[in-house]
Each structure stands twice: as structure tokens, then as C-alpha cells.
């Protein structure tokens, strides 16, 4: 691959990884909320946090193992970890608006 083509595709690869990470994190949160509303288990710290951590660790391992996918793996890890504070902020806002304890 030529240097110019490589320089043009690397930022897109990082962006794609972040988007996939955000999508994976959002899917995990959606599955958690679906499970929480049907089974009444609200322990997100024992389900969501480990799942997002596993995604981030797997993406980091992918970035280390495959140099061609380094930027995608880093983006995937960043996207998955970025979902956690965003979702926690959303939960805090919802709890304060709905006056839940």
C-alpha cells in the first residue's frame, strides 16, 4: 500500500473502530436495560462494566497482535470505554428526573 493511501485510510480506520466500539457499548447497555426491565436485576456494575472491559481488552489484544488493525483496535477500545461514562451520566439524569432512589 502506498504511503499516501495509508495516511488517508488510517484516520478512517480509527474512526470506524470508535464507531464500532460505541455501537457495541450501546448494544450492551440496551441488552442490560431489556434484561433489567424483564427480570428486575439492576446490577449494571456486574454485567455492563465487565462486558465493556472485555471488549476493550480484546480490542487492545487485536491492536497488539495485528499491526494492520492497530488503529481500528485502539478505536474499538476507546469507543467501548467511552460508552460507560456517557451511559452513567444518562442514568443519573434519569434517576434525578424520575426521582428514583
PDB file of N, CA and C in Angstrom:
ATOM      1  N   UNK A   1       0.857  -1.163   0.000  1.00  0.00           N
ATOM      2  CA  UNK A   1       0.000   0.000   0.000  1.00  0.00           C
ATOM      3  C   UNK A   1       0.906   1.229   0.000  1.00  0.00           C
ATOM      4  N   UNK A   2       0.573   2.191  -0.824  1.00  0.00           N
ATOM      5  CA  UNK A   2       1.394   3.395  -0.891  1.00  0.00           C
ATOM      6  C   UNK A   2       1.242   4.210   0.390  1.00  0.00           C
ATOM      7  N   UNK A   3       2.247   5.040   0.659  1.00  0.00           N
ATOM      8  CA  UNK A   3       2.214   5.855   1.881  1.00  0.00           C
ATOM      9  C   UNK A   3       1.044   6.825   1.885  1.00  0.00           C
ATOM     10  N   UNK A   4       0.734   7.398   0.719  1.00  0.00           N
ATOM     11  CA  UNK A   4      -0.365   8.361   0.663  1.00  0.00           C
ATOM     12  C   UNK A   4      -1.695   7.674   0.966  1.00  0.00           C
ATOM     13  N   UNK A   5      -1.919   6.516   0.369  1.00  0.00           N
ATOM     14  CA  UNK A   5      -3.159   5.787   0.622  1.00  0.00           C
ATOM     15  C   UNK A   5      -3.241   5.355   2.085  1.00  0.00           C
ATOM     16  N   UNK A   6      -2.112   4.918   2.632  1.00  0.00           N
ATOM     17  CA  UNK A   6      -2.092   4.506   4.031  1.00  0.00           C
ATOM     18  C   UNK A   6      -2.425   5.683   4.947  1.00  0.00           C
ATOM     19  N   UNK A   7      -1.864   6.847   4.688  1.00  0.00           N
ATOM     20  CA  UNK A   7      -2.138   8.030   5.505  1.00  0.00           C
ATOM     21  C   UNK A   7      -3.589   8.470   5.391  1.00  0.00           C
ATOM     22  N   UNK A   8      -4.212   8.235   4.251  1.00  0.00           N
ATOM     23  CA  UNK A   8      -5.612   8.619   4.070  1.00  0.00           C
ATOM     24  C   UNK A   8      -6.560   7.653   4.762  1.00  0.00           C
ATOM     25  N   UNK A   9      -6.207   6.383   4.833  1.00  0.00           N
ATOM     26  CA  UNK A   9      -7.128   5.392   5.399  1.00  0.00           C
ATOM     27  C   UNK A   9      -6.979   5.229   6.903  1.00  0.00           C
ATOM     28  N   UNK A  10      -5.843   5.596   7.490  1.00  0.00           N
ATOM     29  CA  UNK A  10      -5.650   5.392   8.927  1.00  0.00           C
ATOM     30  C   UNK A  10      -6.652   6.153   9.788  1.00  0.00           C
ATOM     31  N   UNK A  11      -6.903   7.457   9.542  1.00  0.00           N
ATOM     32  CA  UNK A  11      -7.908   8.136  10.374  1.00  0.00           C
ATOM     33  C   UNK A  11      -9.297   7.533  10.231  1.00  0.00           C
ATOM     34  N   UNK A  12      -9.631   7.087   9.033  1.00  0.00           N
ATOM     35  CA  UNK A  12     -10.940   6.458   8.845  1.00  0.00           C
ATOM     36  C   UNK A  12     -11.015   5.144   9.603  1.00  0.00           C
ATOM     37  N   UNK A  13      -9.910   4.430   9.661  1.00  0.00           N
ATOM     38  CA  UNK A  13      -9.883   3.168  10.392  1.00  0.00           C
ATOM     39  C   UNK A  13     -10.083   3.415  11.882  1.00  0.00           C
ATOM     40  N   UNK A  14      -9.435   4.440  12.422  1.00  0.00           N
ATOM     41  CA  UNK A  14      -9.619   4.788  13.830  1.00  0.00           C
ATOM     42  C   UNK A  14     -11.061   5.207  14.090  1.00  0.00           C
ATOM     43  N   UNK A  15     -11.607   6.024  13.210  1.00  0.00           N
ATOM     44  CA  UNK A  15     -12.993   6.481  13.348  1.00  0.00           C
ATOM     45  C   UNK A  15     -13.957   5.301  13.275  1.00  0.00           C
ATOM     46  N   UNK A  16     -13.700   4.379  12.364  1.00  0.00           N
ATOM     47  CA  UNK A  16     -14.557   3.197  12.252  1.00  0.00           C
ATOM     48  C   UNK A  16     -14.490   2.357  13.522  1.00  0.00           C
ATOM     49  N   UNK A  17     -13.298   2.223  14.091  1.00  0.00           N
ATOM     50  CA  UNK A  17     -13.160   1.475  15.338  1.00  0.00           C
ATOM     51  C   UNK A  17     -13.928   2.115  16.478  1.00  0.00           C
ATOM     52  N   UNK A  18     -13.842   3.440  16.575  1.00  0.00           N
ATOM     53  CA  UNK A  18     -14.578   4.147  17.627  1.00  0.00           C
ATOM     54  C   UNK A  18     -16.079   3.958  17.437  1.00  0.00           C
ATOM     55  N   UNK A  19     -16.540   4.069  16.201  1.00  0.00           N
ATOM     56  CA  UNK A  19     -17.975   3.896  15.941  1.00  0.00           C
ATOM     57  C   UNK A  19     -18.433   2.482  16.282  1.00  0.00           C
ATOM     58  N   UNK A  20     -17.638   1.471  15.921  1.00  0.00           N
ATOM     59  CA  UNK A  20     -17.980   0.094  16.270  1.00  0.00           C
ATOM     60  C   UNK A  20     -17.961  -0.101  17.783  1.00  0.00           C
ATOM     61  N   UNK A  21     -17.010   0.516  18.463  1.00  0.00           N
ATOM     62  CA  UNK A  21     -16.955   0.424  19.922  1.00  0.00           C
ATOM     63  C   UNK A  21     -18.160   1.066  20.578  1.00  0.00           C
ATOM     64  N   UNK A  22     -18.549   2.236  20.081  1.00  0.00           N
ATOM     65  CA  UNK A  22     -19.745   2.900  20.606  1.00  0.00           C
ATOM     66  C   UNK A  22     -20.991   2.055  20.357  1.00  0.00           C
ATOM     67  N   UNK A  23     -21.070   1.469  19.166  1.00  0.00           N
ATOM     68  CA  UNK A  23     -22.225   0.624  18.847  1.00  0.00           C
ATOM     69  C   UNK A  23     -22.262  -0.610  19.746  1.00  0.00           C
ATOM     70  N   UNK A  24     -21.109  -1.225  19.967  1.00  0.00           N
ATOM     71  CA  UNK A  24     -21.063  -2.403  20.840  1.00  0.00           C
ATOM     72  C   UNK A  24     -21.445  -2.034  22.267  1.00  0.00           C
ATOM     73  N   UNK A  25     -20.944  -0.913  22.743  1.00  0.00           N
ATOM     74  CA  UNK A  25     -21.293  -0.465  24.091  1.00  0.00           C
ATOM     75  C   UNK A  25     -22.763  -0.134  24.225  1.00  0.00           C
ATOM     76  N   UNK A  26     -23.310   0.527  23.223  1.00  0.00           N
ATOM     77  CA  UNK A  26     -24.736   0.858  23.252  1.00  0.00           C
ATOM     78  C   UNK A  26     -25.585  -0.410  23.222  1.00  0.00           C
ATOM     79  N   UNK A  27     -25.160  -1.396  22.457  1.00  0.00           N
ATOM     80  CA  UNK A  27     -25.889  -2.667  22.409  1.00  0.00           C
ATOM     81  C   UNK A  27     -25.848  -3.367  23.767  1.00  0.00           C
ATOM     82  N   UNK A  28     -24.706  -3.340  24.418  1.00  0.00           N
ATOM     83  CA  UNK A  28     -24.602  -3.962  25.743  1.00  0.00           C
ATOM     84  C   UNK A  28     -25.519  -3.263  26.736  1.00  0.00           C
ATOM     85  N   UNK A  29     -25.537  -1.925  26.710  1.00  0.00           N
ATOM     86  CA  UNK A  29     -26.433  -1.195  27.608  1.00  0.00           C
ATOM     87  C   UNK A  29     -27.893  -1.483  27.280  1.00  0.00           C
ATOM     88  N   UNK A  30     -28.235  -1.558  25.997  1.00  0.00           N
ATOM     89  CA  UNK A  30     -29.622  -1.846  25.614  1.00  0.00           C
ATOM     90  C   UNK A  30     -30.033  -3.234  26.100  1.00  0.00           C
ATOM     91  N   UNK A  31     -29.155  -4.212  25.932  1.00  0.00           N
ATOM     92  CA  UNK A  31     -29.459  -5.556  26.428  1.00  0.00           C
ATOM     93  C   UNK A  31     -29.583  -5.568  27.947  1.00  0.00           C
ATOM     94  N   UNK A  32     -28.755  -4.788  28.631  1.00  0.00           N
ATOM     95  CA  UNK A  32     -28.858  -4.704  30.085  1.00  0.00           C
ATOM     96  C   UNK A  32     -30.202  -4.121  30.498  1.00  0.00           C
ATOM     97  N   UNK A  33     -30.621  -3.024  29.859  1.00  0.00           N
ATOM     98  CA  UNK A  33     -31.896  -2.412  30.231  1.00  0.00           C
ATOM     99  C   UNK A  33     -33.070  -3.332  29.902  1.00  0.00           C
ATOM    100  N   UNK A  34     -32.987  -4.062  28.801  1.00  0.00           N
ATOM    101  CA  UNK A  34     -34.026  -5.029  28.473  1.00  0.00           C
ATOM    102  C   UNK A  34     -34.098  -6.105  29.548  1.00  0.00           C
ATOM    103  N   UNK A  35     -32.957  -6.624  29.935  1.00  0.00           N
ATOM    104  CA  UNK A  35     -32.907  -7.642  30.984  1.00  0.00           C
ATOM    105  C   UNK A  35     -33.367  -7.070  32.315  1.00  0.00           C
ATOM    106  N   UNK A  36     -32.994  -5.846  32.621  1.00  0.00           N
ATOM    107  CA  UNK A  36     -33.353  -5.241  33.908  1.00  0.00           C
ATOM    108  C   UNK A  36     -34.851  -4.998  34.017  1.00  0.00           C
ATOM    109  N   UNK A  37     -35.491  -4.686  32.912  1.00  0.00           N
ATOM    110  CA  UNK A  37     -36.928  -4.427  32.969  1.00  0.00           C
ATOM    111  C   UNK A  37     -37.746  -5.712  32.987  1.00  0.00           C
ATOM    112  N   UNK A  38     -37.193  -6.801  32.501  1.00  0.00           N
ATOM    113  CA  UNK A  38     -37.949  -8.048  32.479  1.00  0.00           C
ATOM    114  C   UNK A  38     -37.670  -8.925  33.692  1.00  0.00           C
ATOM    115  N   UNK A  39     -36.471  -8.864  34.245  1.00  0.00           N
ATOM    116  CA  UNK A  39     -36.097  -9.749  35.342  1.00  0.00           C
ATOM    117  C   UNK A  39     -35.919  -8.985  36.650  1.00  0.00           C
ATOM    118  N   UNK A  40     -35.933  -7.670  36.606  1.00  0.00           N
ATOM    119  CA  UNK A  40     -35.735  -6.809  37.776  1.00  0.00           C
ATOM    120  C   UNK A  40     -34.367  -6.996  38.424  1.00  0.00           C
ATOM    121  N   UNK A  41     -33.356  -7.164  37.615  1.00  0.00           N
ATOM    122  CA  UNK A  41     -31.978  -7.199  38.110  1.00  0.00           C
ATOM    123  C   UNK A  41     -31.289  -5.927  37.640  1.00  0.00           C
ATOM    124  N   UNK A  42     -30.899  -5.094  38.562  1.00  0.00           N
ATOM    125  CA  UNK A  42     -30.326  -3.800  38.207  1.00  0.00           C
ATOM    126  C   UNK A  42     -28.841  -3.704  38.528  1.00  0.00           C
ATOM    127  N   UNK A  43     -28.126  -4.789  38.494  1.00  0.00           N
ATOM    128  CA  UNK A  43     -26.709  -4.761  38.848  1.00  0.00           C
ATOM    129  C   UNK A  43     -25.852  -4.524  37.604  1.00  0.00           C
ATOM    130  N   UNK A  44     -25.855  -3.298  37.116  1.00  0.00           N
ATOM    131  CA  UNK A  44     -25.080  -2.968  35.923  1.00  0.00           C
ATOM    132  C   UNK A  44     -23.586  -3.103  36.176  1.00  0.00           C
ATOM    133  N   UNK A  45     -23.161  -2.918  37.438  1.00  0.00           N
ATOM    134  CA  UNK A  45     -21.727  -2.995  37.717  1.00  0.00           C
ATOM    135  C   UNK A  45     -21.189  -4.415  37.594  1.00  0.00           C
ATOM    136  N   UNK A  46     -22.075  -5.409  37.639  1.00  0.00           N
ATOM    137  CA  UNK A  46     -21.615  -6.788  37.483  1.00  0.00           C
ATOM    138  C   UNK A  46     -21.882  -7.342  36.093  1.00  0.00           C
ATOM    139  N   UNK A  47     -22.571  -6.595  35.256  1.00  0.00           N
ATOM    140  CA  UNK A  47     -22.833  -7.074  33.898  1.00  0.00           C
ATOM    141  C   UNK A  47     -22.230  -6.162  32.838  1.00  0.00           C
ATOM    142  N   UNK A  48     -22.513  -4.887  32.908  1.00  0.00           N
ATOM    143  CA  UNK A  48     -22.094  -3.959  31.860  1.00  0.00           C
ATOM    144  C   UNK A  48     -20.605  -3.656  31.933  1.00  0.00           C
ATOM    145  N   UNK A  49     -20.121  -3.351  33.121  1.00  0.00           N
ATOM    146  CA  UNK A  49     -18.706  -2.982  33.262  1.00  0.00           C
ATOM    147  C   UNK A  49     -17.786  -4.125  32.822  1.00  0.00           C
ATOM    148  N   UNK A  50     -18.014  -5.379  33.260  1.00  0.00           N
ATOM    149  CA  UNK A  50     -17.151  -6.455  32.763  1.00  0.00           C
ATOM    150  C   UNK A  50     -17.263  -6.671  31.250  1.00  0.00           C
ATOM    151  N   UNK A  51     -18.456  -6.533  30.698  1.00  0.00           N
ATOM    152  CA  UNK A  51     -18.608  -6.722  29.253  1.00  0.00           C
ATOM    153  C   UNK A  51     -17.849  -5.652  28.475  1.00  0.00           C
ATOM    154  N   UNK A  52     -17.963  -4.399  28.892  1.00  0.00           N
ATOM    155  CA  UNK A  52     -17.225  -3.329  28.218  1.00  0.00           C
ATOM    156  C   UNK A  52     -15.723  -3.491  28.416  1.00  0.00           C
ATOM    157  N   UNK A  53     -15.316  -3.954  29.582  1.00  0.00           N
ATOM    158  CA  UNK A  53     -13.894  -4.190  29.838  1.00  0.00           C
ATOM    159  C   UNK A  53     -13.365  -5.304  28.951  1.00  0.00           C
ATOM    160  N   UNK A  54     -14.144  -6.364  28.781  1.00  0.00           N
ATOM    161  CA  UNK A  54     -13.720  -7.456  27.896  1.00  0.00           C
ATOM    162  C   UNK A  54     -13.591  -6.990  26.452  1.00  0.00           C
ATOM    163  N   UNK A  55     -14.515  -6.168  26.003  1.00  0.00           N
ATOM    164  CA  UNK A  55     -14.415  -5.630  24.645  1.00  0.00           C
ATOM    165  C   UNK A  55     -13.149  -4.795  24.506  1.00  0.00           C
ATOM    166  N   UNK A  56     -12.885  -3.948  25.491  1.00  0.00           N
ATOM    167  CA  UNK A  56     -11.692  -3.100  25.433  1.00  0.00           C
ATOM    168  C   UNK A  56     -10.411  -3.938  25.461  1.00  0.00           C
ATOM    169  N   UNK A  57     -10.374  -4.968  26.300  1.00  0.00           N
ATOM    170  CA  UNK A  57      -9.193  -5.831  26.361  1.00  0.00           C
ATOM    171  C   UNK A  57      -8.998  -6.612  25.068  1.00  0.00           C
ATOM    172  N   UNK A  58     -10.087  -7.124  24.512  1.00  0.00           N
ATOM    173  CA  UNK A  58      -9.985  -7.850  23.245  1.00  0.00           C
ATOM    174  C   UNK A  58      -9.536  -6.925  22.121  1.00  0.00           C
ATOM    175  N   UNK A  59     -10.046  -5.704  22.112  1.00  0.00           N
ATOM    176  CA  UNK A  59      -9.632  -4.741  21.092  1.00  0.00           C
ATOM    177  C   UNK A  59      -8.169  -4.369  21.266  1.00  0.00           C
ATOM    178  N   UNK A  60      -7.725  -4.231  22.513  1.00  0.00           N
ATOM    179  CA  UNK A  60      -6.309  -3.959  22.760  1.00  0.00           C
ATOM    180  C   UNK A  60      -5.430  -5.106  22.305  1.00  0.00           C
ATOM    181  N   UNK A  61      -5.869  -6.335  22.558  1.00  0.00           N
ATOM    182  CA  UNK A  61      -5.116  -7.501  22.096  1.00  0.00           C
ATOM    183  C   UNK A  61      -5.075  -7.554  20.574  1.00  0.00           C
ATOM    184  N   UNK A  62      -6.181  -7.191  19.935  1.00  0.00           N
ATOM    185  CA  UNK A  62      -6.216  -7.132  18.474  1.00  0.00           C
ATOM    186  C   UNK A  62      -5.231  -6.093  17.954  1.00  0.00           C
ATOM    187  N   UNK A  63      -5.179  -4.957  18.617  1.00  0.00           N
ATOM    188  CA  UNK A  63      -4.268  -3.891  18.191  1.00  0.00           C
ATOM    189  C   UNK A  63      -2.812  -4.312  18.337  1.00  0.00           C
ATOM    190  N   UNK A  64      -2.510  -5.074  19.373  1.00  0.00           N
ATOM    191  CA  UNK A  64      -1.132  -5.517  19.581  1.00  0.00           C
ATOM    192  C   UNK A  64      -0.774  -6.650  18.624  1.00  0.00           C
ATOM    193  N   UNK A  65      -1.694  -7.577  18.422  1.00  0.00           N
ATOM    194  CA  UNK A  65      -1.405  -8.763  17.620  1.00  0.00           C
ATOM    195  C   UNK A  65      -1.353  -8.477  16.124  1.00  0.00           C
ATOM    196  N   UNK A  66      -2.166  -7.573  15.657  1.00  0.00           N
ATOM    197  CA  UNK A  66      -2.242  -7.305  14.216  1.00  0.00           C
ATOM    198  C   UNK A  66      -1.892  -5.846  13.947  1.00  0.00           C
ATOM    199  N   UNK A  67      -0.671  -5.567  13.556  1.00  0.00           N
ATOM    200  CA  UNK A  67      -0.279  -4.176  13.301  1.00  0.00           C
ATOM    201  C   UNK A  67      -1.158  -3.484  12.261  1.00  0.00           C
ATOM    202  N   UNK A  68      -1.685  -4.238  11.327  1.00  0.00           N
ATOM    203  CA  UNK A  68      -2.545  -3.635  10.301  1.00  0.00           C
ATOM    204  C   UNK A  68      -3.855  -3.137  10.900  1.00  0.00           C
ATOM    205  N   UNK A  69      -4.259  -3.709  12.015  1.00  0.00           N
ATOM    206  CA  UNK A  69      -5.514  -3.318  12.655  1.00  0.00           C
ATOM    207  C   UNK A  69      -5.287  -2.514  13.934  1.00  0.00           C
ATOM    208  N   UNK A  70      -4.092  -1.953  14.080  1.00  0.00           N
ATOM    209  CA  UNK A  70      -3.760  -1.237  15.319  1.00  0.00           C
ATOM    210  C   UNK A  70      -4.707  -0.074  15.572  1.00  0.00           C
ATOM    211  N   UNK A  71      -4.941   0.756  14.575  1.00  0.00           N
ATOM    212  CA  UNK A  71      -5.812   1.921  14.771  1.00  0.00           C
ATOM    213  C   UNK A  71      -7.268   1.500  14.983  1.00  0.00           C
ATOM    214  N   UNK A  72      -7.706   0.483  14.258  1.00  0.00           N
ATOM    215  CA  UNK A  72      -9.079   0.015  14.451  1.00  0.00           C
ATOM    216  C   UNK A  72      -9.252  -0.542  15.862  1.00  0.00           C
ATOM    217  N   UNK A  73      -8.303  -1.342  16.325  1.00  0.00           N
ATOM    218  CA  UNK A  73      -8.384  -1.913  17.668  1.00  0.00           C
ATOM    219  C   UNK A  73      -8.365  -0.845  18.746  1.00  0.00           C
ATOM    220  N   UNK A  74      -7.510   0.156  18.569  1.00  0.00           N
ATOM    221  CA  UNK A  74      -7.462   1.255  19.541  1.00  0.00           C
ATOM    222  C   UNK A  74      -8.777   2.027  19.534  1.00  0.00           C
ATOM    223  N   UNK A  75      -9.326   2.264  18.362  1.00  0.00           N
ATOM    224  CA  UNK A  75     -10.609   2.956  18.269  1.00  0.00           C
ATOM    225  C   UNK A  75     -11.734   2.155  18.887  1.00  0.00           C
ATOM    226  N   UNK A  76     -11.716   0.856  18.673  1.00  0.00           N
ATOM    227  CA  UNK A  76     -12.742  -0.015  19.251  1.00  0.00           C
ATOM    228  C   UNK A  76     -12.685   0.031  20.777  1.00  0.00           C
ATOM    229  N   UNK A  77     -11.492  -0.036  21.328  1.00  0.00           N
ATOM    230  CA  UNK A  77     -11.346   0.041  22.785  1.00  0.00           C
ATOM    231  C   UNK A  77     -11.812   1.395  23.310  1.00  0.00           C
ATOM    232  N   UNK A  78     -11.418   2.468  22.642  1.00  0.00           N
ATOM    233  CA  UNK A  78     -11.835   3.807  23.077  1.00  0.00           C
ATOM    234  C   UNK A  78     -13.349   3.972  22.999  1.00  0.00           C
ATOM    235  N   UNK A  79     -13.945   3.483  21.926  1.00  0.00           N
ATOM    236  CA  UNK A  79     -15.393   3.597  21.773  1.00  0.00           C
ATOM    237  C   UNK A  79     -16.148   2.825  22.836  1.00  0.00           C
ATOM    238  N   UNK A  80     -15.687   1.615  23.132  1.00  0.00           N
ATOM    239  CA  UNK A  80     -16.356   0.799  24.149  1.00  0.00           C
ATOM    240  C   UNK A  80     -16.237   1.434  25.528  1.00  0.00           C
ATOM    241  N   UNK A  81     -15.075   1.974  25.834  1.00  0.00           N
ATOM    242  CA  UNK A  81     -14.889   2.597  27.145  1.00  0.00           C
ATOM    243  C   UNK A  81     -15.572   3.953  27.241  1.00  0.00           C
ATOM    244  N   UNK A  82     -15.761   4.623  26.110  1.00  0.00           N
ATOM    245  CA  UNK A  82     -16.430   5.930  26.125  1.00  0.00           C
ATOM    246  C   UNK A  82     -17.916   5.797  26.443  1.00  0.00           C
ATOM    247  N   UNK A  83     -18.480   4.643  26.179  1.00  0.00           N
ATOM    248  CA  UNK A  83     -19.907   4.435  26.430  1.00  0.00           C
ATOM    249  C   UNK A  83     -20.207   4.437  27.927  1.00  0.00           C
ATOM    250  N   UNK A  84     -19.291   3.952  28.724  1.00  0.00           N
ATOM    251  CA  UNK A  84     -19.544   3.816  30.160  1.00  0.00           C
ATOM    252  C   UNK A  84     -19.856   5.147  30.841  1.00  0.00           C
ATOM    253  N   UNK A  85     -19.015   6.174  30.753  1.00  0.00           N
ATOM    254  CA  UNK A  85     -19.381   7.431  31.427  1.00  0.00           C
ATOM    255  C   UNK A  85     -20.605   8.104  30.818  1.00  0.00           C
ATOM    256  N   UNK A  86     -20.791   7.958  29.512  1.00  0.00           N
ATOM    257  CA  UNK A  86     -21.975   8.550  28.879  1.00  0.00           C
ATOM    258  C   UNK A  86     -23.251   7.906  29.406  1.00  0.00           C
ATOM    259  N   UNK A  87     -23.249   6.594  29.499  1.00  0.00           N
ATOM    260  CA  UNK A  87     -24.436   5.899  29.987  1.00  0.00           C
ATOM    261  C   UNK A  87     -24.655   6.154  31.476  1.00  0.00           C
ATOM    262  N   UNK A  88     -23.595   6.239  32.246  1.00  0.00           N
ATOM    263  CA  UNK A  88     -23.751   6.539  33.672  1.00  0.00           C
ATOM    264  C   UNK A  88     -24.337   7.929  33.875  1.00  0.00           C
ATOM    265  N   UNK A  89     -23.903   8.879  33.070  1.00  0.00           N
ATOM    266  CA  UNK A  89     -24.478  10.228  33.152  1.00  0.00           C
ATOM    267  C   UNK A  89     -25.960  10.197  32.797  1.00  0.00           C
ATOM    268  N   UNK A  90     -26.319   9.417  31.778  1.00  0.00           N
ATOM    269  CA  UNK A  90     -27.730   9.301  31.395  1.00  0.00           C
ATOM    270  C   UNK A  90     -28.546   8.673  32.521  1.00  0.00           C
ATOM    271  N   UNK A  91     -27.989   7.673  33.185  1.00  0.00           N
ATOM    272  CA  UNK A  91     -28.693   7.039  34.303  1.00  0.00           C
ATOM    273  C   UNK A  91     -28.909   8.040  35.433  1.00  0.00           C
ATOM    274  N   UNK A  92     -27.880   8.817  35.754  1.00  0.00           N
ATOM    275  CA  UNK A  92     -28.016   9.814  36.823  1.00  0.00           C
ATOM    276  C   UNK A  92     -29.073  10.854  36.487  1.00  0.00           C
ATOM    277  N   UNK A  93     -29.115  11.288  35.241  1.00  0.00           N
ATOM    278  CA  UNK A  93     -30.127  12.262  34.825  1.00  0.00           C
ATOM    279  C   UNK A  93     -31.518  11.648  34.918  1.00  0.00           C
ATOM    280  N   UNK A  94     -31.666  10.421  34.437  1.00  0.00           N
ATOM    281  CA  UNK A  94     -32.971   9.759  34.506  1.00  0.00           C
ATOM    282  C   UNK A  94     -33.425   9.572  35.949  1.00  0.00           C
ATOM    283  N   UNK A  95     -32.523   9.157  36.814  1.00  0.00           N
ATOM    284  CA  UNK A  95     -32.891   8.966  38.212  1.00  0.00           C
ATOM    285  C   UNK A  95     -33.276  10.278  38.868  1.00  0.00           C
ATOM    286  N   UNK A  96     -32.586  11.364  38.527  1.00  0.00           N
ATOM    287  CA  UNK A  96     -32.935  12.646  39.142  1.00  0.00           C
ATOM    288  C   UNK A  96     -34.247  13.190  38.585  1.00  0.00           C
ATOM    289  N   UNK A  97     -34.508  12.969  37.302  1.00  0.00           N
ATOM    290  CA  UNK A  97     -35.760  13.445  36.702  1.00  0.00           C
ATOM    291  C   UNK A  97     -36.944  12.636  37.214  1.00  0.00           C
ATOM    292  N   UNK A  98     -36.767  11.326  37.327  1.00  0.00           N
ATOM    293  CA  UNK A  98     -37.861  10.455  37.758  1.00  0.00           C
ATOM    294  C   UNK A  98     -37.941  10.306  39.273  1.00  0.00           C
ATOM    295  N   UNK A  99     -37.036  10.937  39.996  1.00  0.00           N
ATOM    296  CA  UNK A  99     -36.984  10.858  41.463  1.00  0.00           C
ATOM    297  C   UNK A  99     -36.910   9.419  41.964  1.00  0.00           C
ATOM    298  N   UNK A 100     -36.069   8.631  41.321  1.00  0.00           N
ATOM    299  CA  UNK A 100     -35.866   7.249  41.749  1.00  0.00           C
ATOM    300  C   UNK A 100     -34.721   7.199  42.753  1.00  0.00           C
ATOM    301  N   UNK A 101     -34.709   6.156  43.549  1.00  0.00           N
ATOM    302  CA  UNK A 101     -33.622   6.005  44.527  1.00  0.00           C
ATOM    303  C   UNK A 101     -32.754   4.841  44.169  1.00  0.00           C
TER     304      UNK A 101
END
